[in-house]
Amino acid sequence: MTEHLNDQLLDDFVHGFFGYGNYGGQFWFIGMEEGGGNSYAEVAKRLEAWAFRGKHEIEDVAAYHTAIGITHLFGDRPRLQSTWSMLIRILLTSKGQIPTTEQVREYQKTSLGRSAGDHCLVELLPLPSPSTSHWLYAQHSGLPYLADRETYRQHCLQFRSAHLRKRIREYRPATVIFYGLSYCEYWQEITGIDFLEEPDGVYTGRDNSTLFVVTKHPAATGVTNEYFHRVGRVIQRGD
């Protein structure tokens, strides 16, 4: 018999959870979707922990992951998470550092995505998934918009883009970094601006209060640490 997720809680999560860290921080990182969600059991644990902790729109990344039993990313010597590590390189370089691997590891361990930190990690799509070809939710939910990935995308993109646009206008972060060049149409929808190409596949734009930067995804083929260091220098320059 197929196990079913709590559809009310799942719907609340889709419409109410946006990521980790602190909206009041000066840096925002916005990606398309969080990894994970490899099994029914993992997703159910994520939903239950979110509900137990108060259904917050934005969570503390370490506390939340500890609550779902993922501790290897924040222990004494955490394993570097591949996407996070590159975002950390952007952040540290923008502050004038030339980060080593151990400095990146220490930042992940102590500072990444914390509720009292200077940044947040936000996703345009809410449900974790190990890849764009993986979709377990239709099997474990009766929500019509989860019947397939495309229906889910169309359900979520408009209202979540509008919500992020509202939050950016409310909090006015100094810098918003979007990662994933293939999602530029969504990043433009959120910002309402046109991006100009910088050298080496980095795009920037600005409104009265915020520098917007679009970068390659950390999982993109051929990207290097130095590429993300260059992104950090673009932010440090503040063009």
C-alpha atoms as a PDB file:
ATOM      1  CA  MET A   1       0.000   0.000   0.000  1.00  0.00           C
ATOM      2  CA  THR A   2       1.372   3.420  -1.004  1.00  0.00           C
ATOM      3  CA  GLU A   3       2.082   5.775   1.873  1.00  0.00           C
ATOM      4  CA  HIS A   4       0.467   9.211   1.659  1.00  0.00           C
ATOM      5  CA  LEU A   5       1.832  12.491   2.901  1.00  0.00           C
ATOM      6  CA  ASN A   6      -0.361  14.816   4.934  1.00  0.00           C
ATOM      7  CA  ASP A   7      -1.786  16.848   2.055  1.00  0.00           C
ATOM      8  CA  GLN A   8      -2.867  19.802   4.190  1.00  0.00           C
ATOM      9  CA  LEU A   9       0.583  20.090   5.686  1.00  0.00           C
ATOM     10  CA  LEU A  10       2.181  19.593   2.279  1.00  0.00           C
ATOM     11  CA  ASP A  11       0.038  22.379   0.817  1.00  0.00           C
ATOM     12  CA  ASP A  12       0.925  24.649   3.744  1.00  0.00           C
ATOM     13  CA  PHE A  13       4.620  23.954   3.095  1.00  0.00           C
ATOM     14  CA  VAL A  14       4.345  24.684  -0.636  1.00  0.00           C
ATOM     15  CA  HIS A  15       2.698  28.020   0.064  1.00  0.00           C
ATOM     16  CA  GLY A  16       4.499  28.954   3.262  1.00  0.00           C
ATOM     17  CA  PHE A  17       8.148  27.808   3.277  1.00  0.00           C
ATOM     18  CA  PHE A  18      10.796  29.779   1.384  1.00  0.00           C
ATOM     19  CA  GLY A  19      14.226  28.901   2.775  1.00  0.00           C
ATOM     20  CA  TYR A  20      16.803  29.581   5.464  1.00  0.00           C
ATOM     21  CA  GLY A  21      18.563  32.408   7.211  1.00  0.00           C
ATOM     22  CA  ASN A  22      17.536  36.000   7.744  1.00  0.00           C
ATOM     23  CA  TYR A  23      15.455  38.147   5.395  1.00  0.00           C
ATOM     24  CA  GLY A  24      16.965  41.160   7.150  1.00  0.00           C
ATOM     25  CA  GLY A  25      20.483  40.253   6.024  1.00  0.00           C
ATOM     26  CA  GLN A  26      22.302  42.258   3.370  1.00  0.00           C
ATOM     27  CA  PHE A  27      22.839  39.245   1.072  1.00  0.00           C
ATOM     28  CA  TRP A  28      20.132  37.030  -0.450  1.00  0.00           C
ATOM     29  CA  PHE A  29      20.863  33.886  -2.453  1.00  0.00           C
ATOM     30  CA  ILE A  30      17.964  32.645  -4.583  1.00  0.00           C
ATOM     31  CA  GLY A  31      18.002  29.283  -6.341  1.00  0.00           C
ATOM     32  CA  MET A  32      15.409  27.249  -8.178  1.00  0.00           C
ATOM     33  CA  GLU A  33      14.903  24.321  -5.812  1.00  0.00           C
ATOM     34  CA  GLU A  34      16.494  22.595  -2.838  1.00  0.00           C
ATOM     35  CA  GLY A  35      18.121  19.199  -3.189  1.00  0.00           C
ATOM     36  CA  GLY A  36      17.059  16.210  -1.110  1.00  0.00           C
ATOM     37  CA  GLY A  37      13.616  14.671  -1.061  1.00  0.00           C
ATOM     38  CA  ASN A  38      14.944  11.277  -2.070  1.00  0.00           C
ATOM     39  CA  SER A  39      12.202   9.272  -0.385  1.00  0.00           C
ATOM     40  CA  TYR A  40       8.741   9.446   1.141  1.00  0.00           C
ATOM     41  CA  ALA A  41      10.241   9.069   4.617  1.00  0.00           C
ATOM     42  CA  GLU A  42      12.624  11.988   4.164  1.00  0.00           C
ATOM     43  CA  VAL A  43       9.930  14.316   2.830  1.00  0.00           C
ATOM     44  CA  ALA A  44       7.532  13.331   5.621  1.00  0.00           C
ATOM     45  CA  LYS A  45      10.233  14.078   8.196  1.00  0.00           C
ATOM     46  CA  ARG A  46      10.895  17.477   6.650  1.00  0.00           C
ATOM     47  CA  LEU A  47       7.207  18.383   6.742  1.00  0.00           C
ATOM     48  CA  GLU A  48       6.737  17.193  10.303  1.00  0.00           C
ATOM     49  CA  ALA A  49       9.809  19.085  11.547  1.00  0.00           C
ATOM     50  CA  TRP A  50       8.641  22.267   9.813  1.00  0.00           C
ATOM     51  CA  ALA A  51       5.222  21.978  11.458  1.00  0.00           C
ATOM     52  CA  PHE A  52       6.689  21.149  14.875  1.00  0.00           C
ATOM     53  CA  ARG A  53       9.025  24.154  14.712  1.00  0.00           C
ATOM     54  CA  GLY A  54       6.159  26.554  13.947  1.00  0.00           C
ATOM     55  CA  LYS A  55       5.750  26.582  10.152  1.00  0.00           C
ATOM     56  CA  HIS A  56       8.172  29.455   9.683  1.00  0.00           C
ATOM     57  CA  GLU A  57       8.516  31.064   6.279  1.00  0.00           C
ATOM     58  CA  ILE A  58      12.260  31.068   6.724  1.00  0.00           C
ATOM     59  CA  GLU A  59      14.168  28.687   8.988  1.00  0.00           C
ATOM     60  CA  ASP A  60      17.557  28.376  10.654  1.00  0.00           C
ATOM     61  CA  VAL A  61      19.359  25.941   8.386  1.00  0.00           C
ATOM     62  CA  ALA A  62      21.373  24.148  11.072  1.00  0.00           C
ATOM     63  CA  ALA A  63      18.525  23.823  13.567  1.00  0.00           C
ATOM     64  CA  TYR A  64      16.119  22.608  10.898  1.00  0.00           C
ATOM     65  CA  HIS A  65      18.530  20.053   9.446  1.00  0.00           C
ATOM     66  CA  THR A  66      19.350  18.788  12.920  1.00  0.00           C
ATOM     67  CA  ALA A  67      15.612  18.358  13.501  1.00  0.00           C
ATOM     68  CA  ILE A  68      15.330  16.138  10.414  1.00  0.00           C
ATOM     69  CA  GLY A  69      18.384  14.104  11.384  1.00  0.00           C
ATOM     70  CA  ILE A  70      20.934  15.610   8.991  1.00  0.00           C
ATOM     71  CA  THR A  71      23.924  16.417  11.186  1.00  0.00           C
ATOM     72  CA  HIS A  72      26.957  15.690   8.977  1.00  0.00           C
ATOM     73  CA  LEU A  73      26.766  19.174   7.414  1.00  0.00           C
ATOM     74  CA  PHE A  74      27.203  20.996  10.739  1.00  0.00           C
ATOM     75  CA  GLY A  75      29.304  18.743  12.998  1.00  0.00           C
ATOM     76  CA  ASP A  76      32.853  19.196  14.246  1.00  0.00           C
ATOM     77  CA  ARG A  77      34.244  18.728  10.741  1.00  0.00           C
ATOM     78  CA  PRO A  78      31.238  18.997   8.418  1.00  0.00           C
ATOM     79  CA  ARG A  79      31.166  17.625   4.915  1.00  0.00           C
ATOM     80  CA  LEU A  80      31.056  20.479   2.449  1.00  0.00           C
ATOM     81  CA  GLN A  81      27.722  20.748   0.691  1.00  0.00           C
ATOM     82  CA  SER A  82      28.549  21.368  -2.967  1.00  0.00           C
ATOM     83  CA  THR A  83      26.097  24.205  -3.686  1.00  0.00           C
ATOM     84  CA  TRP A  84      26.477  25.904  -0.327  1.00  0.00           C
ATOM     85  CA  SER A  85      30.271  25.872  -0.518  1.00  0.00           C
ATOM     86  CA  MET A  86      30.253  27.939  -3.710  1.00  0.00           C
ATOM     87  CA  LEU A  87      27.737  30.402  -2.299  1.00  0.00           C
ATOM     88  CA  ILE A  88      29.995  30.769   0.749  1.00  0.00           C
ATOM     89  CA  ARG A  89      32.919  31.518  -1.579  1.00  0.00           C
ATOM     90  CA  ILE A  90      30.896  34.346  -3.142  1.00  0.00           C
ATOM     91  CA  LEU A  91      30.003  35.708   0.273  1.00  0.00           C
ATOM     92  CA  LEU A  92      33.499  35.607   1.751  1.00  0.00           C
ATOM     93  CA  THR A  93      35.148  37.015  -1.375  1.00  0.00           C
ATOM     94  CA  SER A  94      32.647  39.881  -1.447  1.00  0.00           C
ATOM     95  CA  LYS A  95      33.942  40.773   2.030  1.00  0.00           C
ATOM     96  CA  GLY A  96      37.545  40.945   0.815  1.00  0.00           C
ATOM     97  CA  GLN A  97      38.736  37.449   1.707  1.00  0.00           C
ATOM     98  CA  ILE A  98      40.390  34.829  -0.502  1.00  0.00           C
ATOM     99  CA  PRO A  99      38.700  31.840   1.144  1.00  0.00           C
ATOM    100  CA  THR A 100      40.423  28.534   1.675  1.00  0.00           C
ATOM    101  CA  THR A 101      38.542  25.250   1.805  1.00  0.00           C
ATOM    102  CA  GLU A 102      38.844  25.179   5.587  1.00  0.00           C
ATOM    103  CA  GLN A 103      37.471  28.716   5.904  1.00  0.00           C
ATOM    104  CA  VAL A 104      34.508  27.676   3.750  1.00  0.00           C
ATOM    105  CA  ARG A 105      34.005  24.609   5.948  1.00  0.00           C
ATOM    106  CA  GLU A 106      34.115  26.700   9.129  1.00  0.00           C
ATOM    107  CA  TYR A 107      31.587  29.156   7.703  1.00  0.00           C
ATOM    108  CA  GLN A 108      29.215  26.341   6.782  1.00  0.00           C
ATOM    109  CA  LYS A 109      29.601  24.928  10.283  1.00  0.00           C
ATOM    110  CA  THR A 110      29.045  28.146  12.226  1.00  0.00           C
ATOM    111  CA  SER A 111      27.379  30.818  10.103  1.00  0.00           C
ATOM    112  CA  LEU A 112      25.572  29.601   6.996  1.00  0.00           C
ATOM    113  CA  GLY A 113      21.818  30.167   6.857  1.00  0.00           C
ATOM    114  CA  ARG A 114      21.441  31.152  10.505  1.00  0.00           C
ATOM    115  CA  SER A 115      18.442  33.097  11.735  1.00  0.00           C
ATOM    116  CA  ALA A 116      20.640  35.865  13.127  1.00  0.00           C
ATOM    117  CA  GLY A 117      23.025  35.971  10.172  1.00  0.00           C
ATOM    118  CA  ASP A 118      23.660  38.498   7.412  1.00  0.00           C
ATOM    119  CA  HIS A 119      22.099  36.515   4.563  1.00  0.00           C
ATOM    120  CA  CYS A 120      19.362  34.133   3.523  1.00  0.00           C
ATOM    121  CA  LEU A 121      19.128  31.106   1.217  1.00  0.00           C
ATOM    122  CA  VAL A 122      15.824  31.099  -0.657  1.00  0.00           C
ATOM    123  CA  GLU A 123      14.310  28.786  -3.266  1.00  0.00           C
ATOM    124  CA  LEU A 124      11.807  29.712  -5.971  1.00  0.00           C
ATOM    125  CA  LEU A 125      10.274  26.229  -5.860  1.00  0.00           C
ATOM    126  CA  PRO A 126       9.522  24.825  -2.391  1.00  0.00           C
ATOM    127  CA  LEU A 127       9.706  21.027  -2.571  1.00  0.00           C
ATOM    128  CA  PRO A 128      13.078  19.297  -2.290  1.00  0.00           C
ATOM    129  CA  SER A 129      14.061  17.027  -5.151  1.00  0.00           C
ATOM    130  CA  PRO A 130      17.335  15.275  -6.033  1.00  0.00           C
ATOM    131  CA  SER A 131      17.005  16.207  -9.728  1.00  0.00           C
ATOM    132  CA  THR A 132      14.610  17.699 -12.251  1.00  0.00           C
ATOM    133  CA  SER A 133      13.889  14.217 -13.581  1.00  0.00           C
ATOM    134  CA  HIS A 134      12.862  12.916 -10.144  1.00  0.00           C
ATOM    135  CA  TRP A 135       9.247  13.358  -8.974  1.00  0.00           C
ATOM    136  CA  LEU A 136       7.907  11.297  -6.065  1.00  0.00           C
ATOM    137  CA  TYR A 137       5.105  13.619  -4.973  1.00  0.00           C
ATOM    138  CA  ALA A 138       2.427  12.348  -7.387  1.00  0.00           C
ATOM    139  CA  GLN A 139       2.800   8.902  -5.863  1.00  0.00           C
ATOM    140  CA  HIS A 140       2.413  10.102  -2.276  1.00  0.00           C
ATOM    141  CA  SER A 141      -0.037  13.015  -2.512  1.00  0.00           C
ATOM    142  CA  GLY A 142      -3.563  13.643  -3.721  1.00  0.00           C
ATOM    143  CA  LEU A 143      -2.973  17.350  -4.404  1.00  0.00           C
ATOM    144  CA  PRO A 144      -3.919  17.929  -8.065  1.00  0.00           C
ATOM    145  CA  TYR A 145      -1.085  20.364  -8.729  1.00  0.00           C
ATOM    146  CA  LEU A 146       1.455  17.688  -7.722  1.00  0.00           C
ATOM    147  CA  ALA A 147       0.325  15.275 -10.446  1.00  0.00           C
ATOM    148  CA  ASP A 148       3.518  16.003 -12.375  1.00  0.00           C
ATOM    149  CA  ARG A 149       6.463  18.369 -12.182  1.00  0.00           C
ATOM    150  CA  GLU A 150       5.246  20.762 -14.892  1.00  0.00           C
ATOM    151  CA  THR A 151       1.820  21.232 -13.284  1.00  0.00           C
ATOM    152  CA  TYR A 152       3.586  21.893  -9.984  1.00  0.00           C
ATOM    153  CA  ARG A 153       5.924  24.450 -11.598  1.00  0.00           C
ATOM    154  CA  GLN A 154       3.062  26.330 -13.196  1.00  0.00           C
ATOM    155  CA  HIS A 155       1.157  26.324  -9.898  1.00  0.00           C
ATOM    156  CA  CYS A 156       4.092  27.714  -7.927  1.00  0.00           C
ATOM    157  CA  LEU A 157       6.045  30.059 -10.157  1.00  0.00           C
ATOM    158  CA  GLN A 158       3.683  33.001 -10.314  1.00  0.00           C
ATOM    159  CA  PHE A 159       2.710  33.274  -6.658  1.00  0.00           C
ATOM    160  CA  ARG A 160       6.182  32.521  -5.331  1.00  0.00           C
ATOM    161  CA  SER A 161       7.842  34.976  -7.733  1.00  0.00           C
ATOM    162  CA  ALA A 162       5.368  37.632  -6.607  1.00  0.00           C
ATOM    163  CA  HIS A 163       6.007  36.829  -2.946  1.00  0.00           C
ATOM    164  CA  LEU A 164       9.789  37.076  -3.336  1.00  0.00           C
ATOM    165  CA  ARG A 165       9.404  40.345  -5.222  1.00  0.00           C
ATOM    166  CA  LYS A 166       7.301  41.652  -2.325  1.00  0.00           C
ATOM    167  CA  ARG A 167       9.845  40.515   0.275  1.00  0.00           C
ATOM    168  CA  ILE A 168      12.753  42.107  -1.626  1.00  0.00           C
ATOM    169  CA  ARG A 169      10.889  45.417  -1.752  1.00  0.00           C
ATOM    170  CA  GLU A 170      10.062  45.097   1.935  1.00  0.00           C
ATOM    171  CA  TYR A 171      13.552  44.231   3.196  1.00  0.00           C
ATOM    172  CA  ARG A 172      15.698  45.945   0.525  1.00  0.00           C
ATOM    173  CA  PRO A 173      18.768  43.712   0.739  1.00  0.00           C
ATOM    174  CA  ALA A 174      22.006  45.229  -0.526  1.00  0.00           C
ATOM    175  CA  THR A 175      22.683  42.290  -2.869  1.00  0.00           C
ATOM    176  CA  VAL A 176      20.558  39.498  -4.312  1.00  0.00           C
ATOM    177  CA  ILE A 177      22.435  36.653  -6.022  1.00  0.00           C
ATOM    178  CA  PHE A 178      20.403  34.391  -8.302  1.00  0.00           C
ATOM    179  CA  TYR A 179      22.155  31.189  -9.294  1.00  0.00           C
ATOM    180  CA  GLY A 180      21.260  29.297 -12.463  1.00  0.00           C
ATOM    181  CA  LEU A 181      21.567  31.062 -15.833  1.00  0.00           C
ATOM    182  CA  SER A 182      18.862  28.890 -17.403  1.00  0.00           C
ATOM    183  CA  TYR A 183      16.308  30.463 -15.050  1.00  0.00           C
ATOM    184  CA  CYS A 184      16.955  34.075 -16.107  1.00  0.00           C
ATOM    185  CA  GLU A 185      13.361  34.606 -17.208  1.00  0.00           C
ATOM    186  CA  TYR A 186      12.227  33.899 -13.631  1.00  0.00           C
ATOM    187  CA  TRP A 187      14.927  36.108 -12.121  1.00  0.00           C
ATOM    188  CA  GLN A 188      13.805  38.931 -14.412  1.00  0.00           C
ATOM    189  CA  GLU A 189      10.201  38.380 -13.391  1.00  0.00           C
ATOM    190  CA  ILE A 190      11.169  38.720  -9.726  1.00  0.00           C
ATOM    191  CA  THR A 191      13.301  41.835 -10.224  1.00  0.00           C
ATOM    192  CA  GLY A 192      11.542  43.568 -13.113  1.00  0.00           C
ATOM    193  CA  ILE A 193      14.919  44.648 -14.530  1.00  0.00           C
ATOM    194  CA  ASP A 194      17.149  43.709 -17.458  1.00  0.00           C
ATOM    195  CA  PHE A 195      20.528  42.203 -16.647  1.00  0.00           C
ATOM    196  CA  LEU A 196      23.782  43.291 -18.283  1.00  0.00           C
ATOM    197  CA  GLU A 197      26.486  40.732 -19.003  1.00  0.00           C
ATOM    198  CA  GLU A 198      29.761  41.059 -17.161  1.00  0.00           C
ATOM    199  CA  PRO A 199      32.876  39.115 -18.201  1.00  0.00           C
ATOM    200  CA  ASP A 200      32.916  35.335 -17.624  1.00  0.00           C
ATOM    201  CA  GLY A 201      29.187  34.609 -17.546  1.00  0.00           C
ATOM    202  CA  VAL A 202      28.040  36.902 -14.737  1.00  0.00           C
ATOM    203  CA  TYR A 203      25.047  39.209 -15.161  1.00  0.00           C
ATOM    204  CA  THR A 204      24.173  42.253 -13.065  1.00  0.00           C
ATOM    205  CA  GLY A 205      21.425  44.828 -12.675  1.00  0.00           C
ATOM    206  CA  ARG A 206      20.444  47.383 -10.089  1.00  0.00           C
ATOM    207  CA  ASP A 207      17.485  49.281  -8.744  1.00  0.00           C
ATOM    208  CA  ASN A 208      17.557  52.107  -6.220  1.00  0.00           C
ATOM    209  CA  SER A 209      18.522  49.911  -3.266  1.00  0.00           C
ATOM    210  CA  THR A 210      19.723  46.504  -4.476  1.00  0.00           C
ATOM    211  CA  LEU A 211      22.448  45.034  -6.680  1.00  0.00           C
ATOM    212  CA  PHE A 212      21.143  41.954  -8.495  1.00  0.00           C
ATOM    213  CA  VAL A 213      23.628  39.352  -9.720  1.00  0.00           C
ATOM    214  CA  VAL A 214      22.951  36.252 -11.814  1.00  0.00           C
ATOM    215  CA  THR A 215      25.563  33.487 -11.822  1.00  0.00           C
ATOM    216  CA  LYS A 216      26.033  30.016 -13.145  1.00  0.00           C
ATOM    217  CA  HIS A 217      24.718  27.263 -10.902  1.00  0.00           C
ATOM    218  CA  PRO A 218      27.344  25.696  -8.624  1.00  0.00           C
ATOM    219  CA  ALA A 219      26.491  22.331 -10.211  1.00  0.00           C
ATOM    220  CA  ALA A 220      27.032  23.635 -13.766  1.00  0.00           C
ATOM    221  CA  THR A 221      29.636  21.854 -15.866  1.00  0.00           C
ATOM    222  CA  GLY A 222      33.088  23.374 -15.706  1.00  0.00           C
ATOM    223  CA  VAL A 223      32.565  25.971 -12.985  1.00  0.00           C
ATOM    224  CA  THR A 224      35.488  26.518 -10.642  1.00  0.00           C
ATOM    225  CA  ASN A 225      36.135  28.076  -7.264  1.00  0.00           C
ATOM    226  CA  GLU A 226      37.708  31.024  -9.077  1.00  0.00           C
ATOM    227  CA  TYR A 227      34.517  31.697 -11.011  1.00  0.00           C
ATOM    228  CA  PHE A 228      32.627  32.204  -7.738  1.00  0.00           C
ATOM    229  CA  HIS A 229      35.478  34.282  -6.354  1.00  0.00           C
ATOM    230  CA  ARG A 230      35.067  36.556  -9.400  1.00  0.00           C
ATOM    231  CA  VAL A 231      31.360  36.846  -8.605  1.00  0.00           C
ATOM    232  CA  GLY A 232      32.298  37.932  -5.101  1.00  0.00           C
ATOM    233  CA  ARG A 233      34.633  40.579  -6.475  1.00  0.00           C
ATOM    234  CA  VAL A 234      31.856  41.927  -8.703  1.00  0.00           C
ATOM    235  CA  ILE A 235      29.715  42.327  -5.577  1.00  0.00           C
ATOM    236  CA  GLN A 236      32.575  43.884  -3.619  1.00  0.00           C
ATOM    237  CA  ARG A 237      33.050  46.405  -6.443  1.00  0.00           C
ATOM    238  CA  GLY A 238      29.331  47.223  -6.215  1.00  0.00           C
ATOM    239  CA  ASP A 239      28.793  48.112  -9.889  1.00  0.00           C
END
